């Protein structure tokens, strides 16, 4: 059975990642600004943490 707290936590992290990726995408497409390397590294780290959270039981 799925832990409801874990599910809500994953949902929250996905929403946060989606928001940050949308913001980054708009900066690239509308303002022609490339993201800072640290911003990309932070999002990659958050995605890795999310994958670990999903894979853990």
Protein backbone atom coordinates (compact mmCIF):
# COMPACT_ATOMS: atom_id res chain seq x y z
CA UNK A 1 0.00 0.00 0.00
CA UNK A 2 1.23 3.51 -0.78
CA UNK A 3 2.06 5.84 2.09
CA UNK A 4 -0.20 8.94 1.72
CA UNK A 5 2.43 11.20 3.29
CA UNK A 6 5.06 9.99 0.83
CA UNK A 7 2.64 10.50 -2.05
CA UNK A 8 1.90 14.09 -0.97
CA UNK A 9 5.61 14.76 -0.50
CA UNK A 10 6.37 13.50 -4.02
CA UNK A 11 3.52 15.61 -5.42
CA UNK A 12 4.87 18.71 -3.69
CA UNK A 13 8.37 18.12 -5.06
CA UNK A 14 7.03 17.51 -8.57
CA UNK A 15 5.07 20.78 -8.48
CA UNK A 16 8.18 22.63 -7.30
CA UNK A 17 10.34 21.10 -10.05
CA UNK A 18 7.70 21.82 -12.67
CA UNK A 19 7.47 25.46 -11.59
CA UNK A 20 11.25 25.89 -11.69
CA UNK A 21 11.55 24.20 -15.07
CA UNK A 22 8.76 26.34 -16.53
CA UNK A 23 10.46 29.48 -15.22
CA UNK A 24 13.78 28.36 -16.71
CA UNK A 25 12.10 27.51 -20.03
CA UNK A 26 10.45 30.95 -20.23
CA UNK A 27 13.76 32.67 -19.54
CA UNK A 28 15.37 30.71 -22.37
CA UNK A 29 12.58 31.08 -24.93
CA UNK A 30 11.31 34.60 -24.19
CA UNK A 31 14.30 36.43 -22.77
CA UNK A 32 16.98 34.37 -24.54
CA UNK A 33 18.77 33.89 -21.22
CA UNK A 34 20.56 30.66 -20.46
CA UNK A 35 20.16 29.34 -16.92
CA UNK A 36 23.06 29.61 -14.52
CA UNK A 37 24.96 26.34 -14.07
CA UNK A 38 24.13 26.34 -10.36
CA UNK A 39 20.40 26.56 -11.14
CA UNK A 40 20.65 23.52 -13.40
CA UNK A 41 22.72 21.60 -10.84
CA UNK A 42 20.18 22.40 -8.12
CA UNK A 43 17.29 21.13 -10.23
CA UNK A 44 19.23 17.98 -11.12
CA UNK A 45 19.95 17.38 -7.44
CA UNK A 46 16.26 17.85 -6.56
CA UNK A 47 15.27 15.42 -9.30
CA UNK A 48 17.76 12.85 -8.04
CA UNK A 49 16.37 13.21 -4.51
CA UNK A 50 12.86 12.76 -5.83
CA UNK A 51 13.81 9.58 -7.69
CA UNK A 52 15.39 8.21 -4.49
CA UNK A 53 12.25 9.05 -2.53
CA UNK A 54 10.06 7.30 -5.10
CA UNK A 55 12.28 4.23 -5.24
CA UNK A 56 12.53 3.83 -1.46
CA UNK A 57 9.91 1.73 0.27
